[in-house]
Amino acid sequence: MSASKRPKPPAAPVETTGHEWDGIRELDTPLPRWWLIVWYITILFSIGYWIAMPAWPGLKGYTHGLLHRSDRAEVVKALDDLSVQRGLLGKKLLTADLKAIEADPELQSYAMAAGQAAFGDNCATCHGAGGAGAAGYPNLRDDVWLWGGGLEDIHRTIQHGVRSGRPDARVSMMPAFGRDGVLKSGEINDLTAYVTALSRRPADRAAVRRAAPIYAQQCVVCHGPAGKGVQAMGAPDLTDQDWLYGSSPSAIQQQIWNGQGGVMPAWQGRFSEETIKALAVYVHVNAGGR
């Protein structure tokens, strides 16, 4: 008889637990050896951990272990180290020139982090979380600046604010031509068409011609003959596609009639000089820098 045809020896009987239900018996199969080894190792490890590390609570404290390690103490130490590091960078930021801050990668990184935190807590309410602004609140992410987009310009604006009542605040005043009776309703309608045409959009040509002398008399001093604005005065460019209070004819008419002008707080005295510098760097870098 060939080996392949020899009957296989019967398997060794496996003990059962003695439980049987509906013809199904519960076997008492031994656990795999590898599983038992891993289990014994985990037991030994846990015993060693209990001895070496803080582990067991007591009535008046806990076991400190042979290594005397403490996660709480390590966290406190890490926070102390971070505070020292931030203190050094903060002192460096306070004494550094604004341009030098952006030229130093470590200092700029610190300023960006500190500026982002201050912006989120204090500036995002008006300018939005990403600085994109809204109607009446300037967009800080584009390249359009009423008072200048240089690092020193931004720093001064944050320091003293706009129409904040401070002596060094940025101040501009758009007259309320309609509310104060400077211009008649028809003249304001014509001037609206003129401003619309300045931004290269369709407008009533007859109204534009009628408004030309009005613009020359009332608006040129701030916005310039071509409507390009005067940054030193905070007068916006009327020829681009960026509008603080809206670009529709009705929004332009409303601005000419009422002469709206927002207020930005002066942050000097509320923020440390370190925080103001960090904010200036944060806004400048996010806007692409000028």
Protein backbone atom coordinates (compact mmCIF):
# COMPACT_ATOMS: atom_id res chain seq x y z
CA MET A 1 0.00 0.00 0.00
CA SER A 2 1.40 3.38 -0.99
CA ALA A 3 2.07 6.07 1.57
CA SER A 4 -0.58 8.30 0.04
CA LYS A 5 -3.27 5.70 0.56
CA ARG A 6 -2.38 4.85 4.13
CA PRO A 7 -5.09 5.85 6.58
CA LYS A 8 -4.24 8.93 8.66
CA PRO A 9 -3.94 8.37 12.37
CA PRO A 10 -6.87 9.69 14.30
CA ALA A 11 -6.43 13.21 15.70
CA ALA A 12 -5.68 13.44 19.37
CA PRO A 13 -8.89 13.96 21.26
CA VAL A 14 -9.53 17.49 22.47
CA GLU A 15 -11.02 17.88 25.87
CA THR A 16 -14.32 19.66 26.17
CA THR A 17 -15.66 21.92 28.86
CA GLY A 18 -18.55 19.58 29.31
CA HIS A 19 -21.01 22.03 27.84
CA GLU A 20 -23.14 20.88 24.94
CA TRP A 21 -26.12 22.51 23.28
CA ASP A 22 -28.12 21.22 20.36
CA GLY A 23 -25.36 18.81 19.45
CA ILE A 24 -22.61 21.45 19.63
CA ARG A 25 -19.84 20.83 22.13
CA GLU A 26 -17.64 23.55 23.63
CA LEU A 27 -14.02 22.53 23.22
CA ASP A 28 -11.33 23.34 25.74
CA THR A 29 -8.66 24.15 23.12
CA PRO A 30 -5.33 25.34 24.59
CA LEU A 31 -4.27 28.93 23.86
CA PRO A 32 -1.55 29.44 21.22
CA ARG A 33 1.94 29.50 22.71
CA TRP A 34 2.84 32.81 21.07
CA TRP A 35 -0.22 34.44 22.60
CA LEU A 36 0.69 33.18 26.05
CA ILE A 37 4.27 34.48 25.69
CA VAL A 38 3.02 37.95 24.70
CA TRP A 39 0.60 37.92 27.59
CA TYR A 40 3.31 37.00 30.11
CA ILE A 41 5.54 39.76 28.71
CA THR A 42 2.79 42.37 29.18
CA ILE A 43 2.30 41.21 32.76
CA LEU A 44 6.02 41.53 33.48
CA PHE A 45 6.08 44.96 31.79
CA SER A 46 3.15 46.21 33.85
CA ILE A 47 4.81 45.06 37.08
CA GLY A 48 8.02 46.82 36.07
CA TYR A 49 6.06 49.97 35.16
CA TRP A 50 4.30 49.98 38.54
CA ILE A 51 7.69 49.82 40.29
CA ALA A 52 9.51 52.37 38.11
CA MET A 53 6.78 54.96 37.46
CA PRO A 54 4.12 56.76 39.53
CA ALA A 55 1.22 54.36 39.48
CA TRP A 56 -0.76 53.64 42.63
CA PRO A 57 -2.96 56.18 44.42
CA GLY A 58 -2.96 56.28 48.18
CA LEU A 59 -4.81 58.05 50.95
CA LYS A 60 -2.27 60.90 51.11
CA GLY A 61 -0.68 60.82 47.70
CA TYR A 62 0.62 58.22 45.29
CA THR A 63 3.62 56.00 44.69
CA HIS A 64 6.34 58.04 42.96
CA GLY A 65 8.19 55.09 41.46
CA LEU A 66 11.93 54.47 41.33
CA LEU A 67 12.38 56.93 38.41
CA HIS A 68 10.40 59.71 40.14
CA ARG A 69 9.00 60.90 36.80
CA SER A 70 6.06 63.31 36.63
CA ASP A 71 4.21 64.29 33.46
CA ARG A 72 2.89 67.37 35.24
CA ALA A 73 6.40 68.49 36.19
CA GLU A 74 7.60 67.91 32.63
CA VAL A 75 4.74 70.01 31.22
CA VAL A 76 5.51 72.81 33.69
CA LYS A 77 9.19 72.67 32.72
CA ALA A 78 8.32 72.73 29.00
CA LEU A 79 6.08 75.75 29.54
CA ASP A 80 8.79 77.51 31.53
CA ASP A 81 11.31 76.83 28.77
CA LEU A 82 8.86 78.13 26.18
CA SER A 83 8.23 81.25 28.27
CA VAL A 84 11.97 81.91 28.49
CA GLN A 85 12.35 81.41 24.74
CA ARG A 86 9.42 83.69 23.99
CA GLY A 87 10.77 86.25 26.42
CA LEU A 88 14.08 86.33 24.58
CA LEU A 89 12.36 86.62 21.22
CA GLY A 90 9.97 89.22 22.60
CA LYS A 91 12.85 91.38 23.79
CA LYS A 92 14.54 90.96 20.44
CA LEU A 93 11.31 91.87 18.66
CA LEU A 94 10.87 94.95 20.83
CA THR A 95 14.30 96.35 19.99
CA ALA A 96 14.50 95.24 16.36
CA ASP A 97 13.77 97.45 13.39
CA LEU A 98 10.58 96.49 11.53
CA LYS A 99 12.43 95.56 8.35
CA ALA A 100 15.00 93.61 10.35
CA ILE A 101 12.17 91.52 11.81
CA GLU A 102 11.07 90.35 8.37
CA ALA A 103 14.69 89.70 7.39
CA ASP A 104 15.20 87.35 10.36
CA PRO A 105 13.34 84.04 9.72
CA GLU A 106 13.14 83.08 13.40
CA LEU A 107 11.99 86.53 14.49
CA GLN A 108 9.50 86.80 11.64
CA SER A 109 8.07 83.38 12.52
CA TYR A 110 7.61 84.49 16.13
CA ALA A 111 6.07 87.80 15.03
CA MET A 112 3.68 86.02 12.67
CA ALA A 113 2.49 83.67 15.42
CA ALA A 114 2.05 86.48 17.95
CA GLY A 115 0.42 88.73 15.34
CA GLN A 116 -2.01 86.03 14.25
CA ALA A 117 -3.11 85.47 17.86
CA ALA A 118 -3.62 89.21 18.46
CA PHE A 119 -5.40 89.63 15.12
CA GLY A 120 -7.79 86.76 15.82
CA ASP A 121 -8.69 88.12 19.25
CA ASN A 122 -9.02 91.80 18.36
CA CYS A 123 -9.12 92.54 14.62
CA ALA A 124 -11.04 89.64 13.06
CA THR A 125 -14.35 91.04 14.35
CA CYS A 126 -14.17 93.81 11.74
CA HIS A 127 -11.70 92.60 9.14
CA GLY A 128 -12.71 88.92 9.18
CA ALA A 129 -10.73 85.87 10.32
CA GLY A 130 -8.67 85.90 7.13
CA GLY A 131 -8.44 89.69 6.89
CA ALA A 132 -10.61 89.85 3.76
CA GLY A 133 -12.77 92.62 5.23
CA ALA A 134 -16.40 93.43 4.48
CA ALA A 135 -18.51 96.41 3.45
CA GLY A 136 -17.07 99.35 5.37
CA TYR A 137 -14.08 97.35 6.63
CA PRO A 138 -10.93 97.29 4.45
CA ASN A 139 -9.58 94.13 2.91
CA LEU A 140 -6.11 93.57 4.38
CA ARG A 141 -5.15 90.82 1.94
CA ASP A 142 -5.10 92.84 -1.29
CA ASP A 143 -2.73 95.53 -2.55
CA VAL A 144 -5.08 98.49 -2.06
CA TRP A 145 -4.21 100.75 0.86
CA LEU A 146 -5.86 104.02 1.85
CA TRP A 147 -2.95 105.10 4.04
CA GLY A 148 -0.08 103.15 2.53
CA GLY A 149 0.84 99.48 2.55
CA GLY A 150 4.46 99.80 3.66
CA LEU A 151 5.51 98.20 6.92
CA GLU A 152 5.97 101.57 8.64
CA ASP A 153 2.61 102.80 7.28
CA ILE A 154 0.76 99.78 8.66
CA HIS A 155 2.56 100.07 11.98
CA ARG A 156 1.51 103.73 12.34
CA THR A 157 -2.11 102.98 11.43
CA ILE A 158 -2.28 100.22 14.06
CA GLN A 159 -0.65 102.47 16.64
CA HIS A 160 -2.83 105.56 16.26
CA GLY A 161 -5.93 104.29 14.45
CA VAL A 162 -8.18 106.07 11.97
CA ARG A 163 -10.43 108.89 13.21
CA SER A 164 -9.80 107.53 16.70
CA GLY A 165 -9.55 110.97 18.31
CA ARG A 166 -5.84 110.55 18.99
CA PRO A 167 -3.56 113.47 17.98
CA ASP A 168 -1.58 111.30 15.55
CA ALA A 169 -4.55 109.36 14.19
CA ARG A 170 -5.16 109.01 10.46
CA VAL A 171 -7.87 111.51 9.59
CA SER A 172 -9.80 112.05 6.37
CA MET A 173 -13.26 113.46 5.90
CA MET A 174 -15.62 112.76 3.05
CA PRO A 175 -18.20 115.58 3.05
CA ALA A 176 -21.87 114.66 3.24
CA PHE A 177 -22.79 116.57 0.07
CA GLY A 178 -26.46 115.68 0.19
CA ARG A 179 -27.16 115.53 3.91
CA ASP A 180 -25.48 118.88 4.54
CA GLY A 181 -27.08 120.53 1.51
CA VAL A 182 -23.81 121.21 -0.34
CA LEU A 183 -25.16 119.71 -3.57
CA LYS A 184 -28.68 119.23 -4.88
CA SER A 185 -30.16 115.83 -5.53
CA GLY A 186 -29.80 116.12 -9.32
CA GLU A 187 -26.16 117.18 -8.97
CA ILE A 188 -25.46 114.15 -6.79
CA ASN A 189 -27.08 111.90 -9.40
CA ASP A 190 -24.83 113.38 -12.07
CA LEU A 191 -21.77 113.05 -9.84
CA THR A 192 -22.66 109.38 -9.25
CA ALA A 193 -22.59 108.84 -13.02
CA TYR A 194 -19.24 110.66 -13.22
CA VAL A 195 -17.63 108.47 -10.54
CA THR A 196 -19.09 105.36 -12.18
CA ALA A 197 -17.49 106.40 -15.47
CA LEU A 198 -14.12 106.95 -13.73
CA SER A 199 -13.97 103.21 -13.00
CA ARG A 200 -14.51 102.47 -16.71
CA ARG A 201 -18.12 101.36 -16.43
CA PRO A 202 -21.12 102.40 -18.52
CA ALA A 203 -22.69 105.68 -17.37
CA ASP A 204 -25.02 108.37 -18.69
CA ARG A 205 -22.73 110.53 -20.89
CA ALA A 206 -24.86 113.65 -20.52
CA ALA A 207 -24.78 113.29 -16.73
CA VAL A 208 -21.01 112.79 -16.85
CA ARG A 209 -20.60 116.05 -18.83
CA ARG A 210 -22.83 117.96 -16.43
CA ALA A 211 -20.90 116.62 -13.40
CA ALA A 212 -17.42 117.47 -14.73
CA PRO A 213 -17.36 121.03 -13.28
CA ILE A 214 -18.89 119.78 -10.02
CA TYR A 215 -16.16 117.17 -9.69
CA ALA A 216 -13.49 119.77 -10.45
CA GLN A 217 -14.87 122.11 -7.81
CA GLN A 218 -15.72 119.66 -5.02
CA CYS A 219 -13.67 116.46 -5.46
CA VAL A 220 -10.39 117.14 -7.24
CA VAL A 221 -8.64 118.41 -4.09
CA CYS A 222 -8.80 114.93 -2.53
CA HIS A 223 -9.26 112.45 -5.37
CA GLY A 224 -7.15 114.23 -7.98
CA PRO A 225 -8.06 115.30 -11.55
CA ALA A 226 -8.00 111.71 -12.84
CA GLY A 227 -9.66 110.24 -9.73
CA LYS A 228 -6.53 108.33 -8.66
CA GLY A 229 -6.85 109.49 -5.07
CA VAL A 230 -4.22 110.87 -2.68
CA GLN A 231 -2.84 108.26 -0.31
CA ALA A 232 -1.36 110.84 2.08
CA MET A 233 -4.91 112.13 2.67
CA GLY A 234 -6.56 108.72 2.82
CA ALA A 235 -8.56 109.56 -0.32
CA PRO A 236 -9.35 106.38 -2.29
CA ASP A 237 -8.63 105.73 -5.94
CA LEU A 238 -11.94 106.00 -7.84
CA THR A 239 -10.63 104.38 -11.02
CA ASP A 240 -10.04 100.84 -9.76
CA GLN A 241 -12.50 98.07 -8.95
CA ASP A 242 -12.04 98.17 -5.18
CA TRP A 243 -14.77 99.89 -3.20
CA LEU A 244 -14.96 100.12 0.56
CA TYR A 245 -18.70 100.84 0.74
CA GLY A 246 -19.84 99.14 -2.47
CA SER A 247 -19.47 99.75 -6.20
CA SER A 248 -23.09 99.87 -7.32
CA PRO A 249 -24.51 103.27 -8.42
CA SER A 250 -26.81 103.29 -5.38
CA ALA A 251 -23.88 102.60 -3.03
CA ILE A 252 -21.82 105.37 -4.65
CA GLN A 253 -24.76 107.77 -4.44
CA GLN A 254 -25.22 106.89 -0.77
CA GLN A 255 -21.55 107.61 -0.07
CA ILE A 256 -21.69 110.99 -1.83
CA TRP A 257 -24.91 111.88 -0.03
CA ASN A 258 -23.89 110.85 3.52
CA GLY A 259 -20.06 110.88 3.40
CA GLN A 260 -19.47 107.73 5.43
CA GLY A 261 -16.22 107.26 7.31
CA GLY A 262 -15.36 104.44 9.68
CA VAL A 263 -13.31 104.47 12.88
CA MET A 264 -10.37 102.22 13.66
CA PRO A 265 -9.27 102.17 17.31
CA ALA A 266 -5.79 103.27 18.32
CA TRP A 267 -4.07 100.21 19.72
CA GLN A 268 -1.17 102.03 21.33
CA GLY A 269 -1.75 101.86 25.08
CA ARG A 270 -3.94 98.77 24.69
CA PHE A 271 -1.22 96.58 23.17
CA SER A 272 2.44 96.44 24.02
CA GLU A 273 4.85 97.77 21.39
CA GLU A 274 5.95 94.17 20.86
CA THR A 275 2.37 93.14 19.95
CA ILE A 276 1.88 96.16 17.66
CA LYS A 277 5.07 95.27 15.79
CA ALA A 278 3.95 91.65 15.52
CA LEU A 279 0.57 92.75 14.14
CA ALA A 280 2.20 95.06 11.60
CA VAL A 281 4.44 92.24 10.37
CA TYR A 282 1.50 89.81 10.26
CA VAL A 283 -0.66 92.16 8.17
CA HIS A 284 2.24 93.20 5.93
CA VAL A 285 3.38 89.65 5.17
CA ASN A 286 -0.16 88.35 4.54
CA ALA A 287 -0.83 91.21 2.13
CA GLY A 288 2.27 90.36 0.12
CA GLY A 289 4.35 93.24 1.52
CA ARG A 290 5.18 96.51 -0.20
